[in-house]
Amino acid sequence: MQEMITQNIKMIGEFETSSFQNWILHRADILNVVVEIKSASSRVMELSASGHPILVEALEIACSLGPMESTVDSIVSA
């Protein structure tokens, strides 16, 4: 059985909210990580990610790179 975790991720930056949410959900689907967007604004995005620890970390790294129209200044995970 694979180890599964749930991690809260808070990103601060400048976001095109709708496209960034879609981008996150698409990457999560590729990585087989379940994501729930908790809140989203043009400056702060908060989500919960559940899956294998390595894949959740990969999603966090992918989010830090983000789509071209969004800039992530910092990420806090808990």
C-alpha atoms as a PDB file:
ATOM      1  CA  MET A   1       0.000   0.000   0.000  1.00  0.00           C
ATOM      2  CA  GLN A   2       1.308   3.436  -0.916  1.00  0.00           C
ATOM      3  CA  GLU A   3       1.748   6.081   1.748  1.00  0.00           C
ATOM      4  CA  MET A   4      -0.649   8.995   1.218  1.00  0.00           C
ATOM      5  CA  ILE A   5      -0.495  12.474   2.726  1.00  0.00           C
ATOM      6  CA  THR A   6      -2.590  15.613   2.671  1.00  0.00           C
ATOM      7  CA  GLN A   7      -0.745  18.908   2.582  1.00  0.00           C
ATOM      8  CA  ASN A   8      -2.042  22.467   2.696  1.00  0.00           C
ATOM      9  CA  ILE A   9      -0.278  24.776   0.282  1.00  0.00           C
ATOM     10  CA  LYS A  10      -0.509  28.566   0.349  1.00  0.00           C
ATOM     11  CA  MET A  11       0.950  30.521  -2.563  1.00  0.00           C
ATOM     12  CA  ILE A  12       1.499  34.262  -2.624  1.00  0.00           C
ATOM     13  CA  GLY A  13       2.167  36.131  -5.840  1.00  0.00           C
ATOM     14  CA  GLU A  14       0.309  37.611  -8.786  1.00  0.00           C
ATOM     15  CA  PHE A  15      -2.188  35.269 -10.383  1.00  0.00           C
ATOM     16  CA  GLU A  16      -4.554  35.160 -13.303  1.00  0.00           C
ATOM     17  CA  THR A  17      -6.931  33.328 -10.968  1.00  0.00           C
ATOM     18  CA  SER A  18      -9.023  31.234 -13.356  1.00  0.00           C
ATOM     19  CA  SER A  19      -6.189  30.082 -15.610  1.00  0.00           C
ATOM     20  CA  PHE A  20      -3.911  29.314 -12.638  1.00  0.00           C
ATOM     21  CA  GLN A  21      -6.608  27.206 -10.970  1.00  0.00           C
ATOM     22  CA  ASN A  22      -7.154  25.264 -14.201  1.00  0.00           C
ATOM     23  CA  TRP A  23      -3.388  24.859 -14.601  1.00  0.00           C
ATOM     24  CA  ILE A  24      -3.038  23.492 -11.036  1.00  0.00           C
ATOM     25  CA  LEU A  25      -5.924  21.047 -11.519  1.00  0.00           C
ATOM     26  CA  HIS A  26      -4.460  19.836 -14.812  1.00  0.00           C
ATOM     27  CA  ARG A  27      -1.013  19.218 -13.261  1.00  0.00           C
ATOM     28  CA  ALA A  28      -2.623  17.501 -10.265  1.00  0.00           C
ATOM     29  CA  ASP A  29      -4.522  15.202 -12.621  1.00  0.00           C
ATOM     30  CA  ILE A  30      -1.297  14.289 -14.435  1.00  0.00           C
ATOM     31  CA  LEU A  31       0.399  13.534 -11.094  1.00  0.00           C
ATOM     32  CA  ASN A  32      -2.615  11.640  -9.700  1.00  0.00           C
ATOM     33  CA  VAL A  33      -2.914  14.108  -6.808  1.00  0.00           C
ATOM     34  CA  VAL A  34      -6.320  15.148  -5.488  1.00  0.00           C
ATOM     35  CA  VAL A  35      -6.559  18.930  -5.111  1.00  0.00           C
ATOM     36  CA  GLU A  36      -9.178  21.070  -3.420  1.00  0.00           C
ATOM     37  CA  ILE A  37      -8.828  24.808  -4.028  1.00  0.00           C
ATOM     38  CA  LYS A  38      -9.678  26.402  -0.674  1.00  0.00           C
ATOM     39  CA  SER A  39      -9.449  30.049  -1.752  1.00  0.00           C
ATOM     40  CA  ALA A  40      -8.256  31.967  -4.773  1.00  0.00           C
ATOM     41  CA  SER A  41      -7.584  35.624  -5.399  1.00  0.00           C
ATOM     42  CA  SER A  42      -5.210  37.584  -7.584  1.00  0.00           C
ATOM     43  CA  ARG A  43      -2.630  37.604  -4.731  1.00  0.00           C
ATOM     44  CA  VAL A  44      -3.205  34.443  -2.642  1.00  0.00           C
ATOM     45  CA  MET A  45      -4.068  30.875  -3.625  1.00  0.00           C
ATOM     46  CA  GLU A  46      -4.702  28.215  -0.966  1.00  0.00           C
ATOM     47  CA  LEU A  47      -5.237  24.538  -1.698  1.00  0.00           C
ATOM     48  CA  SER A  48      -5.175  21.113  -0.137  1.00  0.00           C
ATOM     49  CA  ALA A  49      -3.296  18.369  -2.017  1.00  0.00           C
ATOM     50  CA  SER A  50      -3.614  14.638  -1.255  1.00  0.00           C
ATOM     51  CA  GLY A  51      -1.534  11.843  -2.707  1.00  0.00           C
ATOM     52  CA  HIS A  52       1.821  10.108  -2.558  1.00  0.00           C
ATOM     53  CA  PRO A  53       4.347  12.410  -0.778  1.00  0.00           C
ATOM     54  CA  ILE A  54       6.699  12.595  -3.763  1.00  0.00           C
ATOM     55  CA  LEU A  55       3.860  13.506  -6.127  1.00  0.00           C
ATOM     56  CA  VAL A  56       2.458  16.139  -3.755  1.00  0.00           C
ATOM     57  CA  GLU A  57       5.953  17.649  -3.602  1.00  0.00           C
ATOM     58  CA  ALA A  58       6.168  17.515  -7.407  1.00  0.00           C
ATOM     59  CA  LEU A  59       2.883  19.441  -7.593  1.00  0.00           C
ATOM     60  CA  GLU A  60       4.263  22.071  -5.204  1.00  0.00           C
ATOM     61  CA  ILE A  61       7.361  22.463  -7.383  1.00  0.00           C
ATOM     62  CA  ALA A  62       5.215  22.659 -10.524  1.00  0.00           C
ATOM     63  CA  CYS A  63       3.096  25.370  -8.882  1.00  0.00           C
ATOM     64  CA  SER A  64       6.199  27.395  -8.075  1.00  0.00           C
ATOM     65  CA  LEU A  65       6.980  27.457 -11.799  1.00  0.00           C
ATOM     66  CA  GLY A  66       3.355  28.086 -12.718  1.00  0.00           C
ATOM     67  CA  PRO A  67       1.917  29.215 -16.040  1.00  0.00           C
ATOM     68  CA  MET A  68       3.425  32.202 -17.825  1.00  0.00           C
ATOM     69  CA  GLU A  69       0.668  34.633 -16.789  1.00  0.00           C
ATOM     70  CA  SER A  70       1.088  33.920 -13.054  1.00  0.00           C
ATOM     71  CA  THR A  71       4.017  34.625 -10.749  1.00  0.00           C
ATOM     72  CA  VAL A  72       4.524  32.746  -7.482  1.00  0.00           C
ATOM     73  CA  ASP A  73       6.615  34.763  -5.022  1.00  0.00           C
ATOM     74  CA  SER A  74       6.417  32.319  -2.097  1.00  0.00           C
ATOM     75  CA  ILE A  75       4.912  28.982  -1.075  1.00  0.00           C
ATOM     76  CA  VAL A  76       4.164  27.821   2.453  1.00  0.00           C
ATOM     77  CA  SER A  77       3.305  24.157   3.064  1.00  0.00           C
ATOM     78  CA  ALA A  78       1.925  22.534   6.187  1.00  0.00           C
END
